[in-house]
Amino acid sequence: MPPSPLRSLLAAVGLAPKPSAIRADAAPAQAPGDAPSLSLSAAEWQQRLSPAQFHVLREEGTERPHSSALNREKRAGVYACAGCGTALFSSEMKFDSGTGWPSFFTTLPSVFATTTDYQLIFPRTEYHCACCGGHHGHVFNDGPAPTGHRYCNNGVALTFHPAD
């Protein structure tokens, strides 16, 4: 997806990073030695994922707000990455943020890597699955106690596994 004209202009004057091609098989920037353990070609990802999942997880897209059934999910269980199956959140971490996307105040340990995203001009913290590099959403500092964080996740990037 090409960068917007505004983003290109901001990059030209040094107010945003220079645009680069987004590859569907690219993993997020991570610390040395922390590369995703699941690496597939774009064609392999397209076979593995639905078109909506591919758009979000591999092209860093965003689903429409209020479009995910996981917003209304109230059962006990685990939310996992739709790309690789890694457990990311427990149902105890979920809260209703009113934003239209499944939201969580914390994550299971060491499941995400973060990058800075300038797509909306101002910087946001974007998070990706540490196992497959799939884009999940953004984390904001307006969540509830005890962390004050809101992990705003695309529902299509998750699968829900109810507790037994």
N, C-alpha and C. Protein backbone atom coordinates (compact mmCIF):
# COMPACT_ATOMS: atom_id res chain seq x y z
N MET A 1 0.85 -1.16 0.00
CA MET A 1 0.00 0.00 0.00
C MET A 1 0.90 1.23 0.00
N PRO A 2 0.75 2.15 -0.95
CA PRO A 2 1.61 3.33 -1.01
C PRO A 2 1.30 4.29 0.13
N PRO A 3 2.31 5.06 0.57
CA PRO A 3 2.07 6.03 1.64
C PRO A 3 1.16 7.15 1.15
N SER A 4 0.45 7.78 2.08
CA SER A 4 -0.43 8.89 1.71
C SER A 4 0.42 10.08 1.30
N PRO A 5 -0.16 10.99 0.49
CA PRO A 5 0.58 12.19 0.11
C PRO A 5 1.01 13.01 1.34
N LEU A 6 0.16 13.08 2.36
CA LEU A 6 0.51 13.82 3.57
C LEU A 6 1.70 13.19 4.27
N ARG A 7 1.69 11.86 4.39
CA ARG A 7 2.81 11.18 5.03
C ARG A 7 4.10 11.39 4.24
N SER A 8 4.02 11.34 2.92
CA SER A 8 5.19 11.59 2.07
C SER A 8 5.73 13.00 2.28
N LEU A 9 4.82 13.97 2.37
CA LEU A 9 5.22 15.35 2.60
C LEU A 9 5.91 15.49 3.96
N LEU A 10 5.31 14.90 5.00
CA LEU A 10 5.91 14.96 6.34
C LEU A 10 7.28 14.30 6.36
N ALA A 11 7.44 13.20 5.64
CA ALA A 11 8.74 12.53 5.57
C ALA A 11 9.76 13.43 4.87
N ALA A 12 9.32 14.13 3.82
CA ALA A 12 10.22 14.99 3.06
C ALA A 12 10.77 16.14 3.90
N VAL A 13 9.98 16.60 4.88
CA VAL A 13 10.43 17.71 5.72
C VAL A 13 10.97 17.22 7.07
N GLY A 14 11.11 15.90 7.21
CA GLY A 14 11.73 15.35 8.41
C GLY A 14 10.81 15.17 9.59
N LEU A 15 9.49 15.24 9.41
CA LEU A 15 8.55 15.09 10.52
C LEU A 15 7.98 13.68 10.63
N ALA A 16 8.36 12.80 9.72
CA ALA A 16 7.94 11.40 9.78
C ALA A 16 9.03 10.58 9.11
N PRO A 17 9.11 9.30 9.41
CA PRO A 17 10.11 8.47 8.76
C PRO A 17 9.86 8.41 7.26
N LYS A 18 10.92 8.20 6.49
CA LYS A 18 10.77 8.07 5.05
C LYS A 18 9.93 6.83 4.75
N PRO A 19 8.97 6.95 3.81
CA PRO A 19 8.13 5.79 3.50
C PRO A 19 8.97 4.67 2.91
N SER A 20 8.60 3.45 3.24
CA SER A 20 9.25 2.29 2.65
C SER A 20 8.16 1.32 2.23
N ALA A 21 8.47 0.48 1.31
CA ALA A 21 7.48 -0.49 0.85
C ALA A 21 7.16 -1.44 1.99
N ILE A 22 5.89 -1.70 2.17
CA ILE A 22 5.46 -2.65 3.19
C ILE A 22 5.31 -3.98 2.49
N ARG A 23 6.09 -4.95 2.90
CA ARG A 23 6.00 -6.29 2.33
C ARG A 23 5.13 -7.15 3.21
N ALA A 24 4.27 -7.92 2.59
CA ALA A 24 3.37 -8.78 3.35
C ALA A 24 4.11 -9.84 4.14
N ASP A 25 5.33 -10.18 3.70
CA ASP A 25 6.08 -11.22 4.41
C ASP A 25 7.14 -10.62 5.32
N ALA A 26 7.12 -9.30 5.51
CA ALA A 26 8.12 -8.65 6.36
C ALA A 26 7.70 -8.74 7.82
N ALA A 27 8.67 -8.92 8.67
CA ALA A 27 8.44 -8.94 10.11
C ALA A 27 8.76 -7.56 10.66
N PRO A 28 8.22 -7.19 11.81
CA PRO A 28 8.50 -5.89 12.39
C PRO A 28 9.96 -5.81 12.85
N ALA A 29 10.44 -4.59 13.00
CA ALA A 29 11.78 -4.41 13.54
C ALA A 29 11.82 -4.95 14.96
N GLN A 30 12.84 -5.72 15.26
CA GLN A 30 12.97 -6.31 16.58
C GLN A 30 14.42 -6.22 17.02
N ALA A 31 14.63 -6.51 18.26
CA ALA A 31 15.99 -6.53 18.78
C ALA A 31 16.77 -7.64 18.10
N PRO A 32 18.09 -7.47 17.95
CA PRO A 32 18.90 -8.52 17.34
C PRO A 32 18.69 -9.84 18.06
N GLY A 33 18.53 -10.91 17.29
CA GLY A 33 18.33 -12.23 17.87
C GLY A 33 16.90 -12.53 18.25
N ASP A 34 15.99 -11.56 18.07
CA ASP A 34 14.59 -11.76 18.44
C ASP A 34 13.68 -11.83 17.21
N ALA A 35 14.17 -12.40 16.13
CA ALA A 35 13.37 -12.50 14.92
C ALA A 35 12.21 -13.46 15.14
N PRO A 36 11.08 -13.20 14.45
CA PRO A 36 9.96 -14.13 14.59
C PRO A 36 10.38 -15.55 14.23
N SER A 37 9.85 -16.51 14.95
CA SER A 37 10.24 -17.90 14.70
C SER A 37 9.44 -18.52 13.55
N LEU A 38 8.30 -17.93 13.18
CA LEU A 38 7.50 -18.42 12.06
C LEU A 38 7.62 -17.43 10.92
N SER A 39 8.26 -17.84 9.85
CA SER A 39 8.48 -16.96 8.71
C SER A 39 7.99 -17.67 7.46
N LEU A 40 6.96 -17.10 6.82
CA LEU A 40 6.37 -17.67 5.62
C LEU A 40 6.40 -16.63 4.50
N SER A 41 6.31 -17.09 3.27
CA SER A 41 6.22 -16.17 2.14
C SER A 41 4.82 -15.55 2.12
N ALA A 42 4.66 -14.49 1.35
CA ALA A 42 3.34 -13.85 1.22
C ALA A 42 2.32 -14.85 0.68
N ALA A 43 2.72 -15.67 -0.28
CA ALA A 43 1.80 -16.66 -0.84
C ALA A 43 1.38 -17.69 0.21
N GLU A 44 2.32 -18.11 1.05
CA GLU A 44 1.99 -19.06 2.12
C GLU A 44 1.03 -18.43 3.14
N TRP A 45 1.27 -17.15 3.48
CA TRP A 45 0.35 -16.47 4.40
C TRP A 45 -1.04 -16.35 3.79
N GLN A 46 -1.11 -16.06 2.50
CA GLN A 46 -2.42 -15.92 1.85
C GLN A 46 -3.18 -17.24 1.85
N GLN A 47 -2.48 -18.35 1.76
CA GLN A 47 -3.14 -19.66 1.84
C GLN A 47 -3.61 -19.96 3.26
N ARG A 48 -2.87 -19.49 4.24
CA ARG A 48 -3.13 -19.81 5.64
C ARG A 48 -4.24 -18.93 6.24
N LEU A 49 -4.36 -17.69 5.76
CA LEU A 49 -5.25 -16.69 6.37
C LEU A 49 -6.40 -16.32 5.44
N SER A 50 -7.49 -15.84 6.04
CA SER A 50 -8.58 -15.27 5.23
C SER A 50 -8.08 -13.94 4.66
N PRO A 51 -8.75 -13.40 3.63
CA PRO A 51 -8.32 -12.09 3.11
C PRO A 51 -8.30 -11.00 4.18
N ALA A 52 -9.29 -10.98 5.07
CA ALA A 52 -9.32 -9.95 6.13
C ALA A 52 -8.17 -10.15 7.11
N GLN A 53 -7.89 -11.39 7.48
CA GLN A 53 -6.76 -11.67 8.37
C GLN A 53 -5.44 -11.29 7.72
N PHE A 54 -5.28 -11.61 6.44
CA PHE A 54 -4.06 -11.26 5.72
C PHE A 54 -3.87 -9.75 5.71
N HIS A 55 -4.94 -9.01 5.43
CA HIS A 55 -4.86 -7.55 5.38
C HIS A 55 -4.37 -6.97 6.72
N VAL A 56 -4.91 -7.46 7.81
CA VAL A 56 -4.53 -6.93 9.12
C VAL A 56 -3.17 -7.46 9.56
N LEU A 57 -3.00 -8.76 9.58
CA LEU A 57 -1.79 -9.36 10.13
C LEU A 57 -0.55 -9.10 9.28
N ARG A 58 -0.66 -9.14 7.96
CA ARG A 58 0.52 -9.05 7.10
C ARG A 58 0.68 -7.69 6.42
N GLU A 59 -0.42 -6.93 6.24
CA GLU A 59 -0.33 -5.62 5.59
C GLU A 59 -0.58 -4.48 6.57
N GLU A 60 -0.68 -4.81 7.85
CA GLU A 60 -0.88 -3.82 8.92
C GLU A 60 -2.15 -3.00 8.73
N GLY A 61 -3.19 -3.65 8.25
CA GLY A 61 -4.48 -2.99 8.07
C GLY A 61 -5.24 -2.89 9.38
N THR A 62 -6.43 -2.31 9.31
CA THR A 62 -7.31 -2.17 10.47
C THR A 62 -8.72 -2.55 10.06
N GLU A 63 -9.35 -3.39 10.88
CA GLU A 63 -10.74 -3.74 10.61
C GLU A 63 -11.65 -2.60 11.05
N ARG A 64 -12.86 -2.58 10.51
CA ARG A 64 -13.83 -1.56 10.90
C ARG A 64 -14.19 -1.73 12.38
N PRO A 65 -14.38 -0.64 13.12
CA PRO A 65 -14.79 -0.77 14.52
C PRO A 65 -16.15 -1.45 14.62
N HIS A 66 -16.36 -2.15 15.71
CA HIS A 66 -17.61 -2.85 16.02
C HIS A 66 -17.92 -3.99 15.04
N SER A 67 -16.93 -4.43 14.26
CA SER A 67 -17.17 -5.49 13.28
C SER A 67 -16.80 -6.88 13.80
N SER A 68 -16.14 -6.96 14.94
CA SER A 68 -15.68 -8.25 15.45
C SER A 68 -16.63 -8.82 16.50
N ALA A 69 -16.98 -10.07 16.34
CA ALA A 69 -17.79 -10.76 17.35
C ALA A 69 -17.04 -10.87 18.67
N LEU A 70 -15.72 -10.77 18.64
CA LEU A 70 -14.95 -10.88 19.88
C LEU A 70 -15.17 -9.69 20.81
N ASN A 71 -15.72 -8.60 20.30
CA ASN A 71 -16.08 -7.48 21.18
C ASN A 71 -17.08 -7.92 22.23
N ARG A 72 -17.98 -8.80 21.83
CA ARG A 72 -19.06 -9.25 22.72
C ARG A 72 -18.73 -10.55 23.45
N GLU A 73 -17.54 -11.10 23.24
CA GLU A 73 -17.17 -12.37 23.87
C GLU A 73 -16.96 -12.16 25.37
N LYS A 74 -17.72 -12.93 26.18
CA LYS A 74 -17.65 -12.77 27.65
C LYS A 74 -17.19 -14.04 28.35
N ARG A 75 -17.03 -15.15 27.61
CA ARG A 75 -16.66 -16.41 28.25
C ARG A 75 -15.20 -16.39 28.71
N ALA A 76 -14.89 -17.25 29.67
CA ALA A 76 -13.51 -17.44 30.11
C ALA A 76 -12.76 -18.19 29.01
N GLY A 77 -11.51 -17.81 28.80
CA GLY A 77 -10.71 -18.49 27.80
C GLY A 77 -9.46 -17.72 27.45
N VAL A 78 -8.90 -18.06 26.31
CA VAL A 78 -7.63 -17.48 25.85
C VAL A 78 -7.81 -16.93 24.44
N TYR A 79 -7.24 -15.76 24.19
CA TYR A 79 -7.20 -15.15 22.87
C TYR A 79 -5.82 -15.41 22.29
N ALA A 80 -5.78 -15.99 21.08
CA ALA A 80 -4.52 -16.36 20.45
C ALA A 80 -4.36 -15.64 19.12
N CYS A 81 -3.13 -15.61 18.63
CA CYS A 81 -2.83 -15.02 17.32
C CYS A 81 -3.46 -15.88 16.23
N ALA A 82 -4.22 -15.25 15.33
CA ALA A 82 -4.84 -15.97 14.23
C ALA A 82 -3.81 -16.43 13.20
N GLY A 83 -2.62 -15.85 13.25
CA GLY A 83 -1.57 -16.24 12.30
C GLY A 83 -0.82 -17.49 12.70
N CYS A 84 -0.55 -17.63 13.99
CA CYS A 84 0.31 -18.75 14.41
C CYS A 84 -0.21 -19.53 15.61
N GLY A 85 -1.25 -19.04 16.26
CA GLY A 85 -1.82 -19.76 17.40
C GLY A 85 -1.19 -19.46 18.74
N THR A 86 -0.24 -18.55 18.80
CA THR A 86 0.39 -18.18 20.08
C THR A 86 -0.64 -17.54 21.00
N ALA A 87 -0.73 -18.01 22.24
CA ALA A 87 -1.62 -17.40 23.23
C ALA A 87 -1.11 -16.01 23.56
N LEU A 88 -2.00 -15.02 23.51
CA LEU A 88 -1.62 -13.61 23.70
C LEU A 88 -2.25 -12.98 24.93
N PHE A 89 -3.53 -13.26 25.15
CA PHE A 89 -4.29 -12.63 26.24
C PHE A 89 -5.18 -13.69 26.90
N SER A 90 -5.45 -13.50 28.18
CA SER A 90 -6.49 -14.30 28.83
C SER A 90 -7.74 -13.44 28.92
N SER A 91 -8.87 -14.08 29.09
CA SER A 91 -10.14 -13.34 29.18
C SER A 91 -10.15 -12.40 30.38
N GLU A 92 -9.38 -12.70 31.42
CA GLU A 92 -9.31 -11.82 32.60
C GLU A 92 -8.65 -10.47 32.28
N MET A 93 -7.93 -10.40 31.17
CA MET A 93 -7.23 -9.17 30.77
C MET A 93 -8.10 -8.27 29.90
N LYS A 94 -9.25 -8.77 29.47
CA LYS A 94 -10.11 -8.04 28.54
C LYS A 94 -11.01 -7.06 29.29
N PHE A 95 -11.29 -5.92 28.65
CA PHE A 95 -12.26 -4.96 29.19
C PHE A 95 -12.97 -4.27 28.04
N ASP A 96 -14.11 -3.69 28.32
CA ASP A 96 -14.89 -2.98 27.31
C ASP A 96 -14.43 -1.53 27.27
N SER A 97 -13.67 -1.19 26.24
CA SER A 97 -13.14 0.17 26.12
C SER A 97 -14.11 1.11 25.43
N GLY A 98 -15.15 0.56 24.80
CA GLY A 98 -16.10 1.40 24.07
C GLY A 98 -15.56 1.89 22.73
N THR A 99 -14.40 1.39 22.30
CA THR A 99 -13.78 1.86 21.06
C THR A 99 -14.24 1.10 19.83
N GLY A 100 -14.81 -0.09 20.03
CA GLY A 100 -15.23 -0.90 18.90
C GLY A 100 -14.26 -2.00 18.54
N TRP A 101 -13.17 -2.13 19.27
CA TRP A 101 -12.19 -3.19 19.06
C TRP A 101 -11.97 -3.92 20.38
N PRO A 102 -11.70 -5.23 20.33
CA PRO A 102 -11.37 -5.94 21.56
C PRO A 102 -10.17 -5.26 22.24
N SER A 103 -10.30 -5.02 23.53
CA SER A 103 -9.26 -4.29 24.26
C SER A 103 -8.84 -5.06 25.50
N PHE A 104 -7.57 -4.94 25.83
CA PHE A 104 -6.97 -5.67 26.94
C PHE A 104 -6.05 -4.71 27.70
N PHE A 105 -5.95 -4.87 29.03
CA PHE A 105 -5.10 -3.97 29.81
C PHE A 105 -3.68 -4.49 29.98
N THR A 106 -3.44 -5.73 29.63
CA THR A 106 -2.09 -6.30 29.65
C THR A 106 -2.06 -7.51 28.73
N THR A 107 -0.90 -8.14 28.60
CA THR A 107 -0.72 -9.30 27.73
C THR A 107 -0.06 -10.43 28.52
N LEU A 108 -0.06 -11.60 27.93
CA LEU A 108 0.75 -12.66 28.49
C LEU A 108 2.22 -12.27 28.28
N PRO A 109 3.14 -12.78 29.09
CA PRO A 109 4.54 -12.33 29.02
C PRO A 109 5.23 -12.62 27.68
N SER A 110 5.96 -11.65 27.19
CA SER A 110 6.87 -11.79 26.04
C SER A 110 6.21 -12.24 24.74
N VAL A 111 4.97 -11.87 24.51
CA VAL A 111 4.29 -12.32 23.30
C VAL A 111 4.29 -11.29 22.18
N PHE A 112 4.66 -10.05 22.49
CA PHE A 112 4.63 -8.99 21.48
C PHE A 112 5.96 -8.27 21.38
N ALA A 113 6.25 -7.80 20.16
CA ALA A 113 7.32 -6.85 19.89
C ALA A 113 6.63 -5.55 19.47
N THR A 114 7.25 -4.42 19.72
CA THR A 114 6.62 -3.14 19.38
C THR A 114 7.48 -2.35 18.40
N THR A 115 6.80 -1.50 17.64
CA THR A 115 7.44 -0.55 16.75
C THR A 115 6.68 0.77 16.86
N THR A 116 7.25 1.84 16.34
CA THR A 116 6.56 3.12 16.32
C THR A 116 5.94 3.32 14.96
N ASP A 117 4.67 3.67 14.94
CA ASP A 117 3.87 3.84 13.74
C ASP A 117 3.54 5.32 13.60
N TYR A 118 3.79 5.89 12.41
CA TYR A 118 3.50 7.30 12.15
C TYR A 118 2.38 7.46 11.11
N GLN A 119 1.57 6.43 10.87
CA GLN A 119 0.57 6.50 9.81
C GLN A 119 -0.48 7.58 10.05
N LEU A 120 -0.75 7.95 11.28
CA LEU A 120 -1.70 9.03 11.57
C LEU A 120 -0.98 10.31 11.97
N ILE A 121 0.21 10.51 11.45
CA ILE A 121 1.05 11.69 11.68
C ILE A 121 1.75 11.62 13.03
N PHE A 122 0.99 11.50 14.12
CA PHE A 122 1.61 11.45 15.44
C PHE A 122 2.04 10.01 15.73
N PRO A 123 3.10 9.83 16.51
CA PRO A 123 3.59 8.46 16.76
C PRO A 123 2.65 7.67 17.66
N ARG A 124 2.49 6.40 17.30
CA ARG A 124 1.72 5.45 18.11
C ARG A 124 2.57 4.19 18.27
N THR A 125 2.34 3.46 19.36
CA THR A 125 3.06 2.21 19.57
C THR A 125 2.24 1.08 18.99
N GLU A 126 2.81 0.45 17.99
CA GLU A 126 2.17 -0.66 17.29
C GLU A 126 2.75 -1.95 17.86
N TYR A 127 1.93 -2.98 17.99
CA TYR A 127 2.47 -4.25 18.49
C TYR A 127 2.19 -5.39 17.52
N HIS A 128 3.18 -6.31 17.47
CA HIS A 128 3.18 -7.44 16.57
C HIS A 128 3.45 -8.72 17.36
N CYS A 129 2.90 -9.82 16.90
CA CYS A 129 3.15 -11.12 17.52
C CYS A 129 4.66 -11.42 17.44
N ALA A 130 5.25 -11.76 18.55
CA ALA A 130 6.68 -12.05 18.59
C ALA A 130 7.01 -13.36 17.87
N CYS A 131 6.03 -14.23 17.70
CA CYS A 131 6.28 -15.51 17.04
C CYS A 131 6.22 -15.39 15.52
N CYS A 132 5.17 -14.75 14.97
CA CYS A 132 5.00 -14.71 13.51
C CYS A 132 5.15 -13.31 12.92
N GLY A 133 5.26 -12.28 13.74
CA GLY A 133 5.40 -10.92 13.24
C GLY A 133 4.10 -10.28 12.82
N GLY A 134 2.96 -10.96 13.04
CA GLY A 134 1.67 -10.42 12.62
C GLY A 134 1.28 -9.17 13.39
N HIS A 135 0.76 -8.19 12.65
CA HIS A 135 0.27 -6.93 13.25
C HIS A 135 -1.03 -7.20 13.98
N HIS A 136 -1.14 -6.69 15.22
CA HIS A 136 -2.36 -6.86 15.99
C HIS A 136 -3.08 -5.56 16.28
N GLY A 137 -2.36 -4.50 16.54
CA GLY A 137 -3.00 -3.24 16.85
C GLY A 137 -2.02 -2.25 17.46
N HIS A 138 -2.57 -1.38 18.31
CA HIS A 138 -1.78 -0.33 18.96
C HIS A 138 -2.06 -0.33 20.45
N VAL A 139 -1.07 0.09 21.22
CA VAL A 139 -1.25 0.19 22.67
C VAL A 139 -1.27 1.67 23.04
N PHE A 140 -2.22 2.03 23.90
CA PHE A 140 -2.41 3.41 24.32
C PHE A 140 -2.34 3.48 25.85
N ASN A 141 -2.07 4.64 26.37
CA ASN A 141 -1.94 4.85 27.82
C ASN A 141 -3.22 5.41 28.43
N ASP A 142 -4.37 4.89 28.00
CA ASP A 142 -5.65 5.36 28.53
C ASP A 142 -6.51 4.19 29.04
N GLY A 143 -5.86 3.11 29.43
CA GLY A 143 -6.57 1.94 29.91
C GLY A 143 -6.80 1.96 31.41
N PRO A 144 -7.46 0.93 31.92
CA PRO A 144 -7.79 0.87 33.34
C PRO A 144 -6.60 0.40 34.19
N ALA A 145 -6.77 0.50 35.50
CA ALA A 145 -5.81 -0.06 36.44
C ALA A 145 -5.82 -1.57 36.25
N PRO A 146 -4.80 -2.28 36.51
CA PRO A 146 -3.61 -1.81 37.22
C PRO A 146 -2.52 -1.26 36.30
N THR A 147 -2.63 -1.39 34.96
CA THR A 147 -1.54 -0.99 34.07
C THR A 147 -1.70 0.38 33.47
N GLY A 148 -2.93 0.82 33.27
CA GLY A 148 -3.17 2.08 32.56
C GLY A 148 -3.03 1.93 31.05
N HIS A 149 -2.83 0.70 30.56
CA HIS A 149 -2.66 0.46 29.12
C HIS A 149 -3.95 -0.06 28.51
N ARG A 150 -4.11 0.26 27.21
CA ARG A 150 -5.20 -0.30 26.41
C ARG A 150 -4.58 -0.89 25.15
N TYR A 151 -4.51 -2.22 25.10
CA TYR A 151 -4.08 -2.91 23.90
C TYR A 151 -5.32 -3.03 23.01
N CYS A 152 -5.37 -2.20 21.99
CA CYS A 152 -6.51 -2.11 21.09
C CYS A 152 -6.23 -3.07 19.92
N ASN A 153 -6.88 -4.22 19.93
CA ASN A 153 -6.55 -5.31 19.03
C ASN A 153 -7.60 -5.47 17.94
N ASN A 154 -7.16 -5.73 16.73
CA ASN A 154 -8.07 -6.10 15.67
C ASN A 154 -8.61 -7.49 15.97
N GLY A 155 -9.93 -7.63 16.02
CA GLY A 155 -10.52 -8.92 16.34
C GLY A 155 -10.18 -10.00 15.33
N VAL A 156 -10.07 -9.64 14.06
CA VAL A 156 -9.77 -10.61 13.01
C VAL A 156 -8.37 -11.19 13.18
N ALA A 157 -7.51 -10.54 13.95
CA ALA A 157 -6.15 -11.03 14.18
C ALA A 157 -6.11 -12.03 15.33
N LEU A 158 -7.26 -12.29 15.95
CA LEU A 158 -7.34 -13.18 17.11
C LEU A 158 -8.24 -14.38 16.84
N THR A 159 -7.97 -15.45 17.57
CA THR A 159 -8.90 -16.56 17.67
C THR A 159 -9.17 -16.72 19.16
N PHE A 160 -10.39 -17.13 19.51
CA PHE A 160 -10.76 -17.31 20.91
C PHE A 160 -10.91 -18.79 21.20
N HIS A 161 -10.31 -19.22 22.30
CA HIS A 161 -10.36 -20.62 22.74
C HIS A 161 -11.00 -20.64 24.14
N PRO A 162 -12.28 -21.07 24.22
CA PRO A 162 -12.95 -21.08 25.52
C PRO A 162 -12.28 -22.05 26.49
N ALA A 163 -12.37 -21.71 27.77
CA ALA A 163 -11.85 -22.61 28.81
C ALA A 163 -12.72 -23.86 28.83
N ASP A 164 -12.13 -24.95 29.26
CA ASP A 164 -12.87 -26.23 29.30
C ASP A 164 -14.00 -26.20 30.29
